[in-house]
Amino acid sequence: QVQIRESGGGSVQPVGSLRLSCAASGITDRSYCIGWLRQGAGTQREGVAIIAFNGVEGYADSVKGRFPISVSTDNAEDSVTLEMKGLKPEDTGMYYCAASRCALSWTRGAWYANIPPARDFDYWGEGTPVTVSS
């Protein structure tokens, strides 16, 4: 049984930083990727960043260079961290950790993990809120 739980959300001023953590267990199929998605008030859920267990990453253009993602595994539990820097008010929303099958592509000499639409993620956490406001 796959279980996913998020932690680390909170309130921060613009240009501040937050670290979101995702603990996932039960993902035995290592062809899965783990990603972070967010949903602001009145908006659709959108992918932010995603990572494969071999470390291949993918980012939405809006967070590229600001939200590095990383993954580690310890005793059958996978940990995925999203280091959010240079936060903007438009980054406000509920952040979800979720798992989907990876879709990797070779682009400009490097592997890249594509972020699928929210409907294609199979397993979800309950979310953690992030508020960026002065």
C-alpha atoms as a PDB file:
ATOM      1  CA  GLN A   1       0.000   0.000   0.000  1.00  0.00           C
ATOM      2  CA  VAL A   2       1.411   3.334  -1.069  1.00  0.00           C
ATOM      3  CA  GLN A   3       1.405   6.079   1.530  1.00  0.00           C
ATOM      4  CA  ILE A   4       2.506   9.656   0.942  1.00  0.00           C
ATOM      5  CA  ARG A   5       2.673  12.474   3.448  1.00  0.00           C
ATOM      6  CA  GLU A   6       3.935  16.016   3.122  1.00  0.00           C
ATOM      7  CA  SER A   7       5.405  18.406   5.662  1.00  0.00           C
ATOM      8  CA  GLY A   8       7.120  21.777   5.788  1.00  0.00           C
ATOM      9  CA  GLY A   9       4.501  24.212   4.555  1.00  0.00           C
ATOM     10  CA  GLY A  10       3.929  27.561   6.222  1.00  0.00           C
ATOM     11  CA  SER A  11       3.858  31.318   5.785  1.00  0.00           C
ATOM     12  CA  VAL A  12       6.792  33.331   4.489  1.00  0.00           C
ATOM     13  CA  GLN A  13       7.456  36.801   3.136  1.00  0.00           C
ATOM     14  CA  PRO A  14       8.314  37.377  -0.532  1.00  0.00           C
ATOM     15  CA  VAL A  15      11.868  36.349  -1.525  1.00  0.00           C
ATOM     16  CA  GLY A  16      11.927  34.035   1.492  1.00  0.00           C
ATOM     17  CA  SER A  17      12.528  30.273   1.477  1.00  0.00           C
ATOM     18  CA  LEU A  18      10.727  27.115   2.556  1.00  0.00           C
ATOM     19  CA  ARG A  19      11.626  23.443   2.432  1.00  0.00           C
ATOM     20  CA  LEU A  20       8.884  20.951   1.659  1.00  0.00           C
ATOM     21  CA  SER A  21       9.419  17.295   2.494  1.00  0.00           C
ATOM     22  CA  CYS A  22       7.591  14.272   1.145  1.00  0.00           C
ATOM     23  CA  ALA A  23       7.818  10.825   2.729  1.00  0.00           C
ATOM     24  CA  ALA A  24       6.609   8.014   0.477  1.00  0.00           C
ATOM     25  CA  SER A  25       6.417   4.322   1.287  1.00  0.00           C
ATOM     26  CA  GLY A  26       5.185   1.299  -0.636  1.00  0.00           C
ATOM     27  CA  ILE A  27       6.341   2.420  -4.098  1.00  0.00           C
ATOM     28  CA  THR A  28       7.902  -0.843  -5.223  1.00  0.00           C
ATOM     29  CA  ASP A  29       7.655  -0.044  -8.959  1.00  0.00           C
ATOM     30  CA  ARG A  30      10.762   2.064  -9.511  1.00  0.00           C
ATOM     31  CA  SER A  31       9.500   3.253 -12.894  1.00  0.00           C
ATOM     32  CA  TYR A  32       7.483   5.780 -10.917  1.00  0.00           C
ATOM     33  CA  CYS A  33       8.452   9.423 -10.475  1.00  0.00           C
ATOM     34  CA  ILE A  34       7.540  11.542  -7.472  1.00  0.00           C
ATOM     35  CA  GLY A  35       6.442  15.104  -8.032  1.00  0.00           C
ATOM     36  CA  TRP A  36       5.143  18.217  -6.368  1.00  0.00           C
ATOM     37  CA  LEU A  37       1.985  19.893  -7.610  1.00  0.00           C
ATOM     38  CA  ARG A  38       0.221  22.973  -6.316  1.00  0.00           C
ATOM     39  CA  GLN A  39      -3.207  24.518  -6.426  1.00  0.00           C
ATOM     40  CA  GLY A  40      -3.910  28.161  -5.723  1.00  0.00           C
ATOM     41  CA  ALA A  41      -7.299  29.704  -5.020  1.00  0.00           C
ATOM     42  CA  GLY A  42      -9.481  29.389  -8.118  1.00  0.00           C
ATOM     43  CA  THR A  43      -6.809  27.675 -10.176  1.00  0.00           C
ATOM     44  CA  GLN A  44      -6.275  24.201 -11.500  1.00  0.00           C
ATOM     45  CA  ARG A  45      -3.739  21.888  -9.923  1.00  0.00           C
ATOM     46  CA  GLU A  46      -0.415  22.274 -11.734  1.00  0.00           C
ATOM     47  CA  GLY A  47       2.848  20.387 -11.676  1.00  0.00           C
ATOM     48  CA  VAL A  48       5.817  22.180 -10.148  1.00  0.00           C
ATOM     49  CA  ALA A  49       8.680  19.700 -10.156  1.00  0.00           C
ATOM     50  CA  ILE A  50       9.228  15.974 -10.537  1.00  0.00           C
ATOM     51  CA  ILE A  51      12.062  13.513 -10.042  1.00  0.00           C
ATOM     52  CA  ALA A  52      12.791   9.919 -10.960  1.00  0.00           C
ATOM     53  CA  PHE A  53      14.491   7.523  -8.542  1.00  0.00           C
ATOM     54  CA  ASN A  54      17.604   7.674 -10.729  1.00  0.00           C
ATOM     55  CA  GLY A  55      17.719  11.444 -10.145  1.00  0.00           C
ATOM     56  CA  VAL A  56      16.409  12.730 -13.477  1.00  0.00           C
ATOM     57  CA  GLU A  57      14.513  15.962 -12.773  1.00  0.00           C
ATOM     58  CA  GLY A  58      11.880  18.119 -14.413  1.00  0.00           C
ATOM     59  CA  TYR A  59      10.502  21.577 -13.624  1.00  0.00           C
ATOM     60  CA  ALA A  60       7.721  23.914 -14.586  1.00  0.00           C
ATOM     61  CA  ASP A  61       9.068  27.065 -16.248  1.00  0.00           C
ATOM     62  CA  SER A  62       7.656  29.195 -13.422  1.00  0.00           C
ATOM     63  CA  VAL A  63       9.947  27.593 -10.822  1.00  0.00           C
ATOM     64  CA  LYS A  64      13.004  26.584 -12.848  1.00  0.00           C
ATOM     65  CA  GLY A  65      16.128  27.682 -11.024  1.00  0.00           C
ATOM     66  CA  ARG A  66      14.231  28.482  -7.799  1.00  0.00           C
ATOM     67  CA  PHE A  67      12.823  25.125  -6.561  1.00  0.00           C
ATOM     68  CA  PRO A  68      15.466  22.372  -6.769  1.00  0.00           C
ATOM     69  CA  ILE A  69      14.090  18.882  -6.097  1.00  0.00           C
ATOM     70  CA  SER A  70      15.969  15.922  -4.682  1.00  0.00           C
ATOM     71  CA  VAL A  71      15.239  12.301  -3.747  1.00  0.00           C
ATOM     72  CA  SER A  72      16.750   9.782  -1.345  1.00  0.00           C
ATOM     73  CA  THR A  73      15.788   6.320  -0.112  1.00  0.00           C
ATOM     74  CA  ASP A  74      16.319   4.872   3.355  1.00  0.00           C
ATOM     75  CA  ASN A  75      14.848   1.643   4.710  1.00  0.00           C
ATOM     76  CA  ALA A  76      12.152   1.358   2.031  1.00  0.00           C
ATOM     77  CA  GLU A  77      10.978   4.928   2.533  1.00  0.00           C
ATOM     78  CA  ASP A  78      11.579   7.490  -0.186  1.00  0.00           C
ATOM     79  CA  SER A  79      12.102  11.128   0.703  1.00  0.00           C
ATOM     80  CA  VAL A  80      11.598  13.899  -1.818  1.00  0.00           C
ATOM     81  CA  THR A  81      12.557  17.441  -0.876  1.00  0.00           C
ATOM     82  CA  LEU A  82      11.562  20.658  -2.610  1.00  0.00           C
ATOM     83  CA  GLU A  83      13.796  23.580  -1.631  1.00  0.00           C
ATOM     84  CA  MET A  84      11.756  26.661  -2.460  1.00  0.00           C
ATOM     85  CA  LYS A  85      13.770  29.876  -2.781  1.00  0.00           C
ATOM     86  CA  GLY A  86      12.947  33.372  -3.958  1.00  0.00           C
ATOM     87  CA  LEU A  87       9.296  32.812  -3.150  1.00  0.00           C
ATOM     88  CA  LYS A  88       6.704  35.030  -4.787  1.00  0.00           C
ATOM     89  CA  PRO A  89       3.075  35.710  -3.832  1.00  0.00           C
ATOM     90  CA  GLU A  90       2.005  33.712  -6.892  1.00  0.00           C
ATOM     91  CA  ASP A  91       3.656  30.638  -5.361  1.00  0.00           C
ATOM     92  CA  THR A  92       0.916  30.589  -2.710  1.00  0.00           C
ATOM     93  CA  GLY A  93      -1.215  27.469  -2.679  1.00  0.00           C
ATOM     94  CA  MET A  94      -1.683  23.958  -1.393  1.00  0.00           C
ATOM     95  CA  TYR A  95       1.295  21.811  -2.318  1.00  0.00           C
ATOM     96  CA  TYR A  96       0.801  18.125  -2.947  1.00  0.00           C
ATOM     97  CA  CYS A  97       3.297  15.296  -3.262  1.00  0.00           C
ATOM     98  CA  ALA A  98       2.210  12.622  -5.704  1.00  0.00           C
ATOM     99  CA  ALA A  99       3.530   9.698  -7.730  1.00  0.00           C
ATOM    100  CA  SER A 100       3.089   8.891 -11.401  1.00  0.00           C
ATOM    101  CA  ARG A 101       4.817   6.722 -13.949  1.00  0.00           C
ATOM    102  CA  CYS A 102       7.858   8.500 -15.334  1.00  0.00           C
ATOM    103  CA  ALA A 103       7.951   9.980 -18.812  1.00  0.00           C
ATOM    104  CA  LEU A 104      11.594  10.733 -19.559  1.00  0.00           C
ATOM    105  CA  SER A 105      12.909  12.473 -22.635  1.00  0.00           C
ATOM    106  CA  TRP A 106      16.354  13.248 -24.066  1.00  0.00           C
ATOM    107  CA  THR A 107      16.613  16.966 -24.802  1.00  0.00           C
ATOM    108  CA  ARG A 108      19.687  19.037 -25.695  1.00  0.00           C
ATOM    109  CA  GLY A 109      22.097  16.405 -24.420  1.00  0.00           C
ATOM    110  CA  ALA A 110      20.401  15.588 -21.125  1.00  0.00           C
ATOM    111  CA  TRP A 111      17.596  13.467 -19.701  1.00  0.00           C
ATOM    112  CA  TYR A 112      14.531  15.322 -18.561  1.00  0.00           C
ATOM    113  CA  ALA A 113      11.509  14.157 -16.557  1.00  0.00           C
ATOM    114  CA  ASN A 114       8.280  15.448 -18.027  1.00  0.00           C
ATOM    115  CA  ILE A 115       5.559  16.548 -15.608  1.00  0.00           C
ATOM    116  CA  PRO A 116       2.280  14.841 -16.519  1.00  0.00           C
ATOM    117  CA  PRO A 117      -1.125  16.433 -15.922  1.00  0.00           C
ATOM    118  CA  ALA A 118      -2.540  16.053 -12.434  1.00  0.00           C
ATOM    119  CA  ARG A 119      -5.055  13.430 -13.580  1.00  0.00           C
ATOM    120  CA  ASP A 120      -2.193  11.073 -14.455  1.00  0.00           C
ATOM    121  CA  PHE A 121      -0.808  10.877 -10.932  1.00  0.00           C
ATOM    122  CA  ASP A 122      -1.816   7.636  -9.199  1.00  0.00           C
ATOM    123  CA  TYR A 123      -0.967   8.283  -5.554  1.00  0.00           C
ATOM    124  CA  TRP A 124      -1.377  11.487  -3.554  1.00  0.00           C
ATOM    125  CA  GLY A 125      -0.628  12.994  -0.191  1.00  0.00           C
ATOM    126  CA  GLU A 126      -3.067  15.286   1.575  1.00  0.00           C
ATOM    127  CA  GLY A 127      -1.121  18.456   0.883  1.00  0.00           C
ATOM    128  CA  THR A 128       0.645  21.144   2.849  1.00  0.00           C
ATOM    129  CA  PRO A 129      -0.193  24.868   2.594  1.00  0.00           C
ATOM    130  CA  VAL A 130       2.247  27.547   1.487  1.00  0.00           C
ATOM    131  CA  THR A 131       1.451  31.249   1.864  1.00  0.00           C
ATOM    132  CA  VAL A 132       3.734  33.951   0.500  1.00  0.00           C
ATOM    133  CA  SER A 133       2.665  37.373   1.666  1.00  0.00           C
ATOM    134  CA  SER A 134       4.093  40.564   3.100  1.00  0.00           C
END
